[in-house]
C-alpha atoms as a PDB file:
ATOM      1  CA  MET A   1       0.000   0.000   0.000  1.00  0.00           C
ATOM      2  CA  GLU A   2       1.381   3.407  -0.981  1.00  0.00           C
ATOM      3  CA  ASN A   3       2.452   6.188   1.392  1.00  0.00           C
ATOM      4  CA  ASN A   4       1.341   4.344   4.516  1.00  0.00           C
ATOM      5  CA  GLN A   5      -2.250   5.279   3.670  1.00  0.00           C
ATOM      6  CA  GLN A   6      -4.638   4.517   6.517  1.00  0.00           C
ATOM      7  CA  LEU A   7      -7.043   1.714   5.738  1.00  0.00           C
ATOM      8  CA  PRO A   8     -10.784   2.307   6.113  1.00  0.00           C
ATOM      9  CA  ALA A   9     -12.421   0.672   9.115  1.00  0.00           C
ATOM     10  CA  LYS A  10     -15.047  -1.873   8.162  1.00  0.00           C
ATOM     11  CA  LYS A  11     -16.178  -3.361  11.447  1.00  0.00           C
ATOM     12  CA  ASN A  12     -18.209  -0.269  12.350  1.00  0.00           C
ATOM     13  CA  ASN A  13     -20.545  -0.567   9.382  1.00  0.00           C
ATOM     14  CA  HIS A  14     -24.125  -1.220  10.429  1.00  0.00           C
ATOM     15  CA  PHE A  15     -25.914  -1.053   7.087  1.00  0.00           C
ATOM     16  CA  SER A  16     -24.246  -0.610   3.705  1.00  0.00           C
ATOM     17  CA  VAL A  17     -25.477   0.153   0.211  1.00  0.00           C
ATOM     18  CA  LYS A  18     -23.905  -0.870  -3.100  1.00  0.00           C
ATOM     19  CA  VAL A  19     -25.232   0.430  -6.420  1.00  0.00           C
ATOM     20  CA  SER A  20     -25.155  -1.887  -9.414  1.00  0.00           C
ATOM     21  CA  ASN A  21     -22.252  -1.041 -11.729  1.00  0.00           C
ATOM     22  CA  VAL A  22     -23.091  -2.997 -14.860  1.00  0.00           C
ATOM     23  CA  GLY A  23     -24.580  -1.581 -18.051  1.00  0.00           C
ATOM     24  CA  PHE A  24     -27.812  -3.596 -18.046  1.00  0.00           C
ATOM     25  CA  ASN A  25     -29.324  -2.869 -14.649  1.00  0.00           C
ATOM     26  CA  ILE A  26     -32.828  -3.355 -16.041  1.00  0.00           C
ATOM     27  CA  LYS A  27     -33.249  -6.258 -18.440  1.00  0.00           C
ATOM     28  CA  ASP A  28     -36.990  -6.159 -18.974  1.00  0.00           C
ATOM     29  CA  VAL A  29     -40.187  -4.515 -17.729  1.00  0.00           C
ATOM     30  CA  ASP A  30     -43.447  -6.289 -18.583  1.00  0.00           C
ATOM     31  CA  MET A  31     -46.504  -4.173 -17.799  1.00  0.00           C
ATOM     32  CA  LYS A  32     -48.930  -6.994 -18.579  1.00  0.00           C
ATOM     33  CA  SER A  33     -47.408  -9.519 -16.160  1.00  0.00           C
ATOM     34  CA  ARG A  34     -46.249  -6.712 -13.815  1.00  0.00           C
ATOM     35  CA  THR A  35     -42.731  -8.110 -13.652  1.00  0.00           C
ATOM     36  CA  VAL A  36     -39.295  -6.515 -13.699  1.00  0.00           C
ATOM     37  CA  THR A  37     -36.030  -8.338 -14.290  1.00  0.00           C
ATOM     38  CA  GLY A  38     -32.533  -7.018 -13.896  1.00  0.00           C
ATOM     39  CA  VAL A  39     -29.300  -6.869 -11.907  1.00  0.00           C
ATOM     40  CA  LEU A  40     -29.001  -5.823  -8.261  1.00  0.00           C
ATOM     41  CA  ASN A  41     -25.226  -5.921  -7.988  1.00  0.00           C
ATOM     42  CA  THR A  42     -22.087  -6.644  -9.984  1.00  0.00           C
ATOM     43  CA  TYR A  43     -19.380  -8.937  -8.664  1.00  0.00           C
ATOM     44  CA  ASN A  44     -15.617  -8.537  -9.169  1.00  0.00           C
ATOM     45  CA  PHE A  45     -15.987  -4.747  -9.316  1.00  0.00           C
ATOM     46  CA  VAL A  46     -13.886  -2.353  -7.206  1.00  0.00           C
ATOM     47  CA  ASP A  47     -16.276   0.291  -5.863  1.00  0.00           C
ATOM     48  CA  SER A  48     -15.659   3.664  -4.200  1.00  0.00           C
ATOM     49  CA  ASP A  49     -15.132   1.953  -0.818  1.00  0.00           C
ATOM     50  CA  GLN A  50     -12.379  -0.231  -2.331  1.00  0.00           C
ATOM     51  CA  ASP A  51     -14.675  -3.206  -1.811  1.00  0.00           C
ATOM     52  CA  VAL A  52     -14.891  -6.202  -4.132  1.00  0.00           C
ATOM     53  CA  LEU A  53     -17.899  -8.440  -3.619  1.00  0.00           C
ATOM     54  CA  LEU A  54     -17.189 -11.950  -4.863  1.00  0.00           C
ATOM     55  CA  MET A  55     -19.552 -14.319  -6.622  1.00  0.00           C
ATOM     56  CA  GLY A  56     -21.183 -16.391  -3.888  1.00  0.00           C
ATOM     57  CA  SER A  57     -21.201 -13.611  -1.287  1.00  0.00           C
ATOM     58  CA  ALA A  58     -25.022 -13.548  -1.241  1.00  0.00           C
ATOM     59  CA  LYS A  59     -25.495 -17.312  -1.565  1.00  0.00           C
ATOM     60  CA  LYS A  60     -26.146 -18.029   2.112  1.00  0.00           C
ATOM     61  CA  SER A  61     -28.608 -15.143   2.441  1.00  0.00           C
ATOM     62  CA  ILE A  62     -30.486 -16.334  -0.641  1.00  0.00           C
ATOM     63  CA  ASN A  63     -30.584 -19.911   0.628  1.00  0.00           C
ATOM     64  CA  ASP A  64     -31.727 -18.814   4.086  1.00  0.00           C
ATOM     65  CA  ARG A  65     -34.143 -15.999   3.188  1.00  0.00           C
ATOM     66  CA  GLY A  66     -34.540 -15.913  -0.578  1.00  0.00           C
ATOM     67  CA  PRO A  67     -37.851 -16.245  -2.451  1.00  0.00           C
ATOM     68  CA  GLU A  68     -37.615 -20.047  -2.560  1.00  0.00           C
ATOM     69  CA  SER A  69     -36.738 -20.427   1.131  1.00  0.00           C
ATOM     70  CA  ASN A  70     -39.144 -21.290   3.939  1.00  0.00           C
ATOM     71  CA  ALA A  71     -38.266 -18.142   5.879  1.00  0.00           C
ATOM     72  CA  THR A  72     -41.136 -15.996   7.086  1.00  0.00           C
ATOM     73  CA  ALA A  73     -39.014 -12.815   6.855  1.00  0.00           C
ATOM     74  CA  LYS A  74     -37.547 -12.925   3.360  1.00  0.00           C
ATOM     75  CA  ILE A  75     -35.177 -10.601   1.522  1.00  0.00           C
ATOM     76  CA  LYS A  76     -37.213  -7.544   0.607  1.00  0.00           C
ATOM     77  CA  PHE A  77     -37.727  -5.770  -2.701  1.00  0.00           C
ATOM     78  CA  ALA A  78     -37.834  -2.118  -1.653  1.00  0.00           C
ATOM     79  CA  LYS A  79     -37.859   1.346  -3.143  1.00  0.00           C
ATOM     80  CA  PHE A  80     -35.004   3.750  -2.355  1.00  0.00           C
ATOM     81  CA  HIS A  81     -33.904   1.465   0.522  1.00  0.00           C
ATOM     82  CA  ASP A  82     -37.036   2.503   2.401  1.00  0.00           C
ATOM     83  CA  LEU A  83     -38.398  -0.629   4.026  1.00  0.00           C
ATOM     84  CA  THR A  84     -41.807   0.977   4.434  1.00  0.00           C
ATOM     85  CA  LEU A  85     -42.005   1.177   0.623  1.00  0.00           C
ATOM     86  CA  LEU A  86     -42.375  -2.343  -0.768  1.00  0.00           C
ATOM     87  CA  PRO A  87     -43.741  -2.185  -4.340  1.00  0.00           C
ATOM     88  CA  GLY A  88     -43.509  -5.923  -4.870  1.00  0.00           C
ATOM     89  CA  ARG A  89     -41.604  -9.067  -4.013  1.00  0.00           C
ATOM     90  CA  PHE A  90     -38.747 -11.084  -5.453  1.00  0.00           C
ATOM     91  CA  SER A  91     -39.785 -14.193  -7.338  1.00  0.00           C
ATOM     92  CA  VAL A  92     -36.204 -15.034  -8.351  1.00  0.00           C
ATOM     93  CA  LEU A  93     -32.862 -14.180  -6.746  1.00  0.00           C
ATOM     94  CA  SER A  94     -29.741 -15.879  -8.041  1.00  0.00           C
ATOM     95  CA  GLU A  95     -26.051 -15.362  -8.668  1.00  0.00           C
ATOM     96  CA  ARG A  96     -25.246 -16.012 -12.289  1.00  0.00           C
ATOM     97  CA  GLU A  97     -23.166 -14.944 -15.283  1.00  0.00           C
ATOM     98  CA  ILE A  98     -24.781 -12.594 -17.805  1.00  0.00           C
ATOM     99  CA  ASN A  99     -22.946 -11.141 -20.818  1.00  0.00           C
ATOM    100  CA  GLY A 100     -19.642 -12.327 -19.392  1.00  0.00           C
ATOM    101  CA  LYS A 101     -20.158 -10.648 -15.998  1.00  0.00           C
ATOM    102  CA  GLN A 102     -20.961 -12.298 -12.670  1.00  0.00           C
ATOM    103  CA  VAL A 103     -24.001 -10.601 -11.157  1.00  0.00           C
ATOM    104  CA  LEU A 104     -26.800 -10.837  -8.617  1.00  0.00           C
ATOM    105  CA  TYR A 105     -29.843 -11.341 -10.847  1.00  0.00           C
ATOM    106  CA  PHE A 106     -33.456 -10.794  -9.858  1.00  0.00           C
ATOM    107  CA  GLU A 107     -37.017 -11.087 -11.056  1.00  0.00           C
ATOM    108  CA  ALA A 108     -39.640  -9.121  -9.133  1.00  0.00           C
ATOM    109  CA  GLN A 109     -43.416  -9.283  -9.186  1.00  0.00           C
ATOM    110  CA  MET A 110     -45.016  -5.880  -8.620  1.00  0.00           C
ATOM    111  CA  SER A 111     -48.026  -5.781  -6.325  1.00  0.00           C
ATOM    112  CA  ASN A 112     -51.456  -4.542  -7.429  1.00  0.00           C
ATOM    113  CA  SER A 113     -51.152  -1.620  -5.028  1.00  0.00           C
ATOM    114  CA  GLN A 114     -50.840   1.972  -6.183  1.00  0.00           C
ATOM    115  CA  LEU A 115     -47.166   1.857  -5.157  1.00  0.00           C
ATOM    116  CA  GLY A 116     -46.606  -1.196  -7.359  1.00  0.00           C
ATOM    117  CA  THR A 117     -48.345   0.432 -10.325  1.00  0.00           C
ATOM    118  CA  ASP A 118     -46.507   3.717  -9.877  1.00  0.00           C
ATOM    119  CA  THR A 119     -43.188   1.897  -9.675  1.00  0.00           C
ATOM    120  CA  LEU A 120     -43.893   0.034 -12.915  1.00  0.00           C
ATOM    121  CA  HIS A 121     -44.622   3.295 -14.707  1.00  0.00           C
ATOM    122  CA  GLU A 122     -41.462   4.860 -13.266  1.00  0.00           C
ATOM    123  CA  TYR A 123     -39.475   1.975 -14.711  1.00  0.00           C
ATOM    124  CA  MET A 124     -41.089   2.493 -18.118  1.00  0.00           C
ATOM    125  CA  ASP A 125     -40.492   6.264 -18.012  1.00  0.00           C
ATOM    126  CA  GLY A 126     -36.846   5.879 -16.990  1.00  0.00           C
ATOM    127  CA  VAL A 127     -37.287   7.607 -13.633  1.00  0.00           C
ATOM    128  CA  ILE A 128     -36.071   4.414 -11.984  1.00  0.00           C
ATOM    129  CA  ASP A 129     -33.049   3.250 -13.899  1.00  0.00           C
ATOM    130  CA  ASN A 130     -30.869   1.443 -11.404  1.00  0.00           C
ATOM    131  CA  HIS A 131     -30.772  -1.006  -8.521  1.00  0.00           C
ATOM    132  CA  SER A 132     -28.726  -1.474  -5.389  1.00  0.00           C
ATOM    133  CA  ILE A 133     -28.508  -3.737  -2.377  1.00  0.00           C
ATOM    134  CA  GLY A 134     -28.724  -3.058   1.352  1.00  0.00           C
ATOM    135  CA  PHE A 135     -26.636  -5.405   3.485  1.00  0.00           C
ATOM    136  CA  GLN A 136     -24.350  -5.922   6.473  1.00  0.00           C
ATOM    137  CA  TYR A 137     -20.678  -6.783   6.348  1.00  0.00           C
ATOM    138  CA  ILE A 138     -19.542  -9.931   8.130  1.00  0.00           C
ATOM    139  CA  PRO A 139     -16.087  -9.021   9.538  1.00  0.00           C
ATOM    140  CA  GLU A 140     -14.705 -12.551   9.479  1.00  0.00           C
ATOM    141  CA  GLN A 141     -15.671 -12.876   5.799  1.00  0.00           C
ATOM    142  CA  MET A 142     -13.620  -9.835   4.734  1.00  0.00           C
ATOM    143  CA  LYS A 143      -9.993  -9.857   3.698  1.00  0.00           C
ATOM    144  CA  LEU A 144      -7.596  -7.012   2.990  1.00  0.00           C
ATOM    145  CA  VAL A 145      -5.516  -7.764  -0.112  1.00  0.00           C
ATOM    146  CA  GLU A 146      -2.529  -5.487  -0.816  1.00  0.00           C
ATOM    147  CA  ARG A 147      -0.470  -5.174  -3.953  1.00  0.00           C
ATOM    148  CA  ASP A 148       2.760  -5.105  -1.940  1.00  0.00           C
ATOM    149  CA  GLY A 149       1.589  -7.428   0.792  1.00  0.00           C
ATOM    150  CA  GLN A 150       3.779 -10.063   2.401  1.00  0.00           C
ATOM    151  CA  HIS A 151       3.310 -13.756   3.212  1.00  0.00           C
ATOM    152  CA  GLY A 152       1.796 -14.639  -0.119  1.00  0.00           C
ATOM    153  CA  ASN A 153      -0.673 -11.762  -0.158  1.00  0.00           C
ATOM    154  CA  SER A 154       0.881 -10.311  -3.316  1.00  0.00           C
ATOM    155  CA  LYS A 155       0.197 -13.602  -5.131  1.00  0.00           C
ATOM    156  CA  THR A 156      -3.430 -13.296  -4.112  1.00  0.00           C
ATOM    157  CA  TRP A 157      -3.346  -9.755  -5.520  1.00  0.00           C
ATOM    158  CA  ASP A 158      -2.131 -10.957  -8.908  1.00  0.00           C
ATOM    159  CA  ALA A 159      -4.834 -13.608  -9.093  1.00  0.00           C
ATOM    160  CA  LEU A 160      -7.476 -11.070  -8.093  1.00  0.00           C
ATOM    161  CA  MET A 161      -6.386  -8.531 -10.714  1.00  0.00           C
ATOM    162  CA  ALA A 162      -7.064 -11.103 -13.421  1.00  0.00           C
ATOM    163  CA  GLN A 163     -10.692 -11.388 -12.261  1.00  0.00           C
ATOM    164  CA  LEU A 164     -11.570  -7.727 -11.757  1.00  0.00           C
ATOM    165  CA  ILE A 165     -13.720  -5.749 -14.166  1.00  0.00           C
ATOM    166  CA  ASN A 166     -11.846  -2.524 -13.316  1.00  0.00           C
ATOM    167  CA  PRO A 167      -8.338  -3.487 -12.094  1.00  0.00           C
ATOM    168  CA  LYS A 168      -7.045   0.097 -12.518  1.00  0.00           C
ATOM    169  CA  ALA A 169      -9.225   1.185  -9.571  1.00  0.00           C
ATOM    170  CA  ALA A 170      -7.400  -1.350  -7.398  1.00  0.00           C
ATOM    171  CA  GLU A 171      -3.961  -0.414  -8.715  1.00  0.00           C
ATOM    172  CA  GLU A 172      -4.503   3.283  -7.936  1.00  0.00           C
ATOM    173  CA  LYS A 173      -4.945   2.588  -4.210  1.00  0.00           C
ATOM    174  CA  GLY A 174      -2.794  -0.501  -3.902  1.00  0.00           C
ATOM    175  CA  TYR A 175      -5.332  -2.433  -1.830  1.00  0.00           C
ATOM    176  CA  VAL A 176      -8.881  -3.766  -1.871  1.00  0.00           C
ATOM    177  CA  TRP A 177     -11.249  -5.332   0.635  1.00  0.00           C
ATOM    178  CA  VAL A 178     -12.362  -8.708  -0.683  1.00  0.00           C
ATOM    179  CA  ILE A 179     -15.861  -9.533   0.564  1.00  0.00           C
ATOM    180  CA  LYS A 180     -16.585 -13.254   0.595  1.00  0.00           C
ATOM    181  CA  GLU A 181     -19.987 -13.131   2.310  1.00  0.00           C
ATOM    182  CA  ILE A 182     -22.589 -10.516   3.210  1.00  0.00           C
ATOM    183  CA  LYS A 183     -25.883 -10.549   5.070  1.00  0.00           C
ATOM    184  CA  LEU A 184     -28.252  -9.398   2.349  1.00  0.00           C
ATOM    185  CA  TRP A 185     -31.304  -7.554   3.710  1.00  0.00           C
ATOM    186  CA  GLU A 186     -32.909  -6.054   0.626  1.00  0.00           C
ATOM    187  CA  GLY A 187     -32.585  -5.069  -3.004  1.00  0.00           C
ATOM    188  CA  SER A 188     -33.939  -1.699  -4.058  1.00  0.00           C
ATOM    189  CA  ALA A 189     -35.190   0.100  -7.116  1.00  0.00           C
ATOM    190  CA  VAL A 190     -33.445   3.486  -7.104  1.00  0.00           C
ATOM    191  CA  ALA A 191     -33.527   6.637  -9.208  1.00  0.00           C
ATOM    192  CA  PHE A 192     -30.303   7.510 -11.002  1.00  0.00           C
ATOM    193  CA  GLY A 193     -28.101   5.588  -8.587  1.00  0.00           C
ATOM    194  CA  ALA A 194     -29.151   7.558  -5.505  1.00  0.00           C
ATOM    195  CA  ASN A 195     -28.037   6.091  -2.190  1.00  0.00           C
ATOM    196  CA  ALA A 196     -29.791   5.825   1.158  1.00  0.00           C
ATOM    197  CA  LEU A 197     -28.172   8.962   2.564  1.00  0.00           C
ATOM    198  CA  THR A 198     -29.381  11.352  -0.160  1.00  0.00           C
ATOM    199  CA  PRO A 199     -32.941  12.101   1.010  1.00  0.00           C
ATOM    200  CA  PHE A 200     -31.865  12.580   4.612  1.00  0.00           C
ATOM    201  CA  LEU A 201     -29.146  15.060   3.720  1.00  0.00           C
ATOM    202  CA  GLY A 202     -31.754  17.336   2.166  1.00  0.00           C
ATOM    203  CA  MET A 203     -33.794  17.148   5.340  1.00  0.00           C
ATOM    204  CA  ALA A 204     -30.794  17.738   7.589  1.00  0.00           C
ATOM    205  CA  LYS A 205     -29.775  21.085   6.100  1.00  0.00           C
ATOM    206  CA  ASN A 206     -32.276  22.969   8.262  1.00  0.00           C
ATOM    207  CA  MET A 207     -31.305  21.326  11.543  1.00  0.00           C
ATOM    208  CA  THR A 208     -28.585  21.815  14.124  1.00  0.00           C
ATOM    209  CA  LYS A 209     -26.072  19.012  14.560  1.00  0.00           C
ATOM    210  CA  GLU A 210     -27.479  18.228  18.003  1.00  0.00           C
ATOM    211  CA  SER A 211     -31.004  17.983  16.607  1.00  0.00           C
ATOM    212  CA  ILE A 212     -29.997  15.689  13.756  1.00  0.00           C
ATOM    213  CA  ILE A 213     -28.214  13.206  15.974  1.00  0.00           C
ATOM    214  CA  ALA A 214     -30.876  13.393  18.682  1.00  0.00           C
ATOM    215  CA  LEU A 215     -33.646  12.855  16.157  1.00  0.00           C
ATOM    216  CA  LEU A 216     -32.015   9.681  14.892  1.00  0.00           C
ATOM    217  CA  HIS A 217     -31.270   8.379  18.379  1.00  0.00           C
ATOM    218  CA  CYS A 218     -34.869   8.981  19.466  1.00  0.00           C
ATOM    219  CA  LYS A 219     -36.128   7.004  16.490  1.00  0.00           C
ATOM    220  CA  ILE A 220     -33.699   4.158  17.191  1.00  0.00           C
ATOM    221  CA  GLN A 221     -34.806   4.031  20.838  1.00  0.00           C
ATOM    222  CA  LYS A 222     -38.420   3.684  19.738  1.00  0.00           C
ATOM    223  CA  MET A 223     -37.509   0.868  17.373  1.00  0.00           C
ATOM    224  CA  GLU A 224     -35.495  -0.968  20.004  1.00  0.00           C
ATOM    225  CA  SER A 225     -38.413  -0.668  22.407  1.00  0.00           C
ATOM    226  CA  VAL A 226     -40.649  -2.347  19.837  1.00  0.00           C
ATOM    227  CA  LEU A 227     -38.073  -5.097  19.327  1.00  0.00           C
ATOM    228  CA  ARG A 228     -37.917  -5.741  23.086  1.00  0.00           C
ATOM    229  CA  ASN A 229     -41.691  -6.065  23.272  1.00  0.00           C
ATOM    230  CA  GLY A 230     -41.624  -8.710  20.567  1.00  0.00           C
ATOM    231  CA  GLN A 231     -45.333  -8.455  19.780  1.00  0.00           C
ATOM    232  CA  GLN A 232     -45.025  -7.983  16.013  1.00  0.00           C
ATOM    233  CA  SER A 233     -44.755 -10.734  13.427  1.00  0.00           C
ATOM    234  CA  ASP A 234     -41.340 -12.125  12.539  1.00  0.00           C
ATOM    235  CA  ASP A 235     -41.453 -10.268   9.244  1.00  0.00           C
ATOM    236  CA  ALA A 236     -42.287  -6.946  10.884  1.00  0.00           C
ATOM    237  CA  MET A 237     -39.559  -7.425  13.483  1.00  0.00           C
ATOM    238  CA  VAL A 238     -36.928  -7.997  10.791  1.00  0.00           C
ATOM    239  CA  VAL A 239     -38.004  -4.825   8.970  1.00  0.00           C
ATOM    240  CA  ILE A 240     -37.744  -2.810  12.211  1.00  0.00           C
ATOM    241  CA  GLU A 241     -34.286  -4.249  12.855  1.00  0.00           C
ATOM    242  CA  GLN A 242     -33.197  -3.298   9.333  1.00  0.00           C
ATOM    243  CA  GLN A 243     -34.481   0.247   9.747  1.00  0.00           C
ATOM    244  CA  SER A 244     -32.634   0.573  13.043  1.00  0.00           C
ATOM    245  CA  LEU A 245     -29.405  -0.511  11.352  1.00  0.00           C
ATOM    246  CA  GLN A 246     -29.986   2.018   8.570  1.00  0.00           C
ATOM    247  CA  LEU A 247     -30.405   4.848  11.067  1.00  0.00           C
ATOM    248  CA  ARG A 248     -27.288   3.845  12.985  1.00  0.00           C
ATOM    249  CA  GLN A 249     -25.357   3.913   9.723  1.00  0.00           C
ATOM    250  CA  LEU A 250     -26.811   7.333   8.927  1.00  0.00           C
ATOM    251  CA  ILE A 251     -25.436   8.648  12.214  1.00  0.00           C
ATOM    252  CA  ASP A 252     -21.960   7.446  11.199  1.00  0.00           C
ATOM    253  CA  ASP A 253     -22.266   8.682   7.608  1.00  0.00           C
ATOM    254  CA  LEU A 254     -23.666  12.106   8.441  1.00  0.00           C
ATOM    255  CA  GLU A 255     -20.662  13.278  10.461  1.00  0.00           C
ATOM    256  CA  PRO A 256     -18.537  14.512   7.531  1.00  0.00           C
ATOM    257  CA  HIS A 257     -21.568  16.152   5.944  1.00  0.00           C
ATOM    258  CA  ILE A 258     -22.696  18.209   8.935  1.00  0.00           C
ATOM    259  CA  ASN A 259     -19.257  19.170  10.238  1.00  0.00           C
ATOM    260  CA  ILE A 260     -19.510  17.709  13.731  1.00  0.00           C
ATOM    261  CA  THR A 261     -16.536  19.101  15.663  1.00  0.00           C
ATOM    262  CA  SER A 262     -17.639  18.763  19.283  1.00  0.00           C
ATOM    263  CA  PRO A 263     -16.525  15.902  21.559  1.00  0.00           C
ATOM    264  CA  LYS A 264     -18.087  12.488  21.169  1.00  0.00           C
ATOM    265  CA  ASP A 265     -19.400  12.532  24.734  1.00  0.00           C
ATOM    266  CA  GLU A 266     -21.279  15.826  24.411  1.00  0.00           C
ATOM    267  CA  ILE A 267     -24.802  16.011  25.826  1.00  0.00           C
ATOM    268  CA  ILE A 268     -27.265  15.567  22.998  1.00  0.00           C
ATOM    269  CA  ILE A 269     -30.150  18.027  23.065  1.00  0.00           C
ATOM    270  CA  LYS A 270     -33.558  16.774  21.968  1.00  0.00           C
ATOM    271  CA  PRO A 271     -34.780  18.739  18.918  1.00  0.00           C
ATOM    272  CA  THR A 272     -37.722  21.064  19.379  1.00  0.00           C
ATOM    273  CA  GLU A 273     -41.023  20.284  17.702  1.00  0.00           C
ATOM    274  CA  GLU A 274     -40.536  23.311  15.432  1.00  0.00           C
ATOM    275  CA  GLU A 275     -37.065  22.129  14.336  1.00  0.00           C
ATOM    276  CA  VAL A 276     -38.461  18.725  13.427  1.00  0.00           C
ATOM    277  CA  LYS A 277     -41.355  20.301  11.538  1.00  0.00           C
ATOM    278  CA  GLN A 278     -39.052  22.596   9.566  1.00  0.00           C
ATOM    279  CA  ALA A 279     -36.623  19.788   8.776  1.00  0.00           C
ATOM    280  CA  LEU A 280     -39.290  17.408   7.556  1.00  0.00           C
ATOM    281  CA  ASN A 281     -41.143  20.166   5.716  1.00  0.00           C
ATOM    282  CA  GLY A 282     -44.067  17.964   4.774  1.00  0.00           C
ATOM    283  CA  SER A 283     -41.932  15.281   3.155  1.00  0.00           C
ATOM    284  CA  ASP A 284     -42.734  11.574   3.032  1.00  0.00           C
ATOM    285  CA  LEU A 285     -40.123  11.119   5.750  1.00  0.00           C
ATOM    286  CA  ALA A 286     -42.376  12.862   8.261  1.00  0.00           C
ATOM    287  CA  LYS A 287     -44.156   9.697   9.335  1.00  0.00           C
ATOM    288  CA  LYS A 288     -40.877   7.904   9.918  1.00  0.00           C
ATOM    289  CA  PHE A 289     -39.016  10.634  11.745  1.00  0.00           C
ATOM    290  CA  THR A 290     -41.721  12.378  13.785  1.00  0.00           C
ATOM    291  CA  LEU A 291     -40.891  12.216  17.480  1.00  0.00           C
END
């Protein structure tokens, strides 16, 4: 690794998003059968986090909670990584090779709800033109591979370079994180490659740093209270757990965007009702983030 560059920490990730990076994210949209087929993620691709997801990394999740499993809480087909927006369900999830690339392929059946119909039309109109996955890292299934590594690591590097779609991205940094397995929570239809942080950043502009962090912590506390009660269905409980992980990740991801400079142990001040109202500003997020 060049210039003793500090490696990114991975063990603190609660919920991560990867946008598909292949040129055929949507293979087909059939309005009559209300089905969409396409690609959720591309394997052997070095992304902006220097991550490389390998073929087979979603296999266990698909076996355990895929559309053909017996799980009651299955992998969700969501919209914009919002687990309260479920326009349909996966009928097929598989890892396969398409056009010479190894990908996570899907087929989704849209529901007869207004959300399902709207989503179909957005696909046809090109408003939704991409897909991404929401998942958790599994620390013991990650490996740092360095170009100049010792103890045989450099040999692993050479073998990896031969598999990568974009080896130059790896060469520029001199290292990659090889991801052998993930815990796949959901696959999402997204607009123009937007990630999960985008809508919240727009909301956060009108809030103080204390209010932003406090707002998220309050929401997480409510979710954890529901989880402790355990009165919801298994499926509902999994969705709540996923949303809690998303919010925890937002807290981590928001720091560089809102210029938090005060100590980590500062006293967090609960946002006022007016601050929350101004931040939400009538958006669809209001129901999720109202205290």
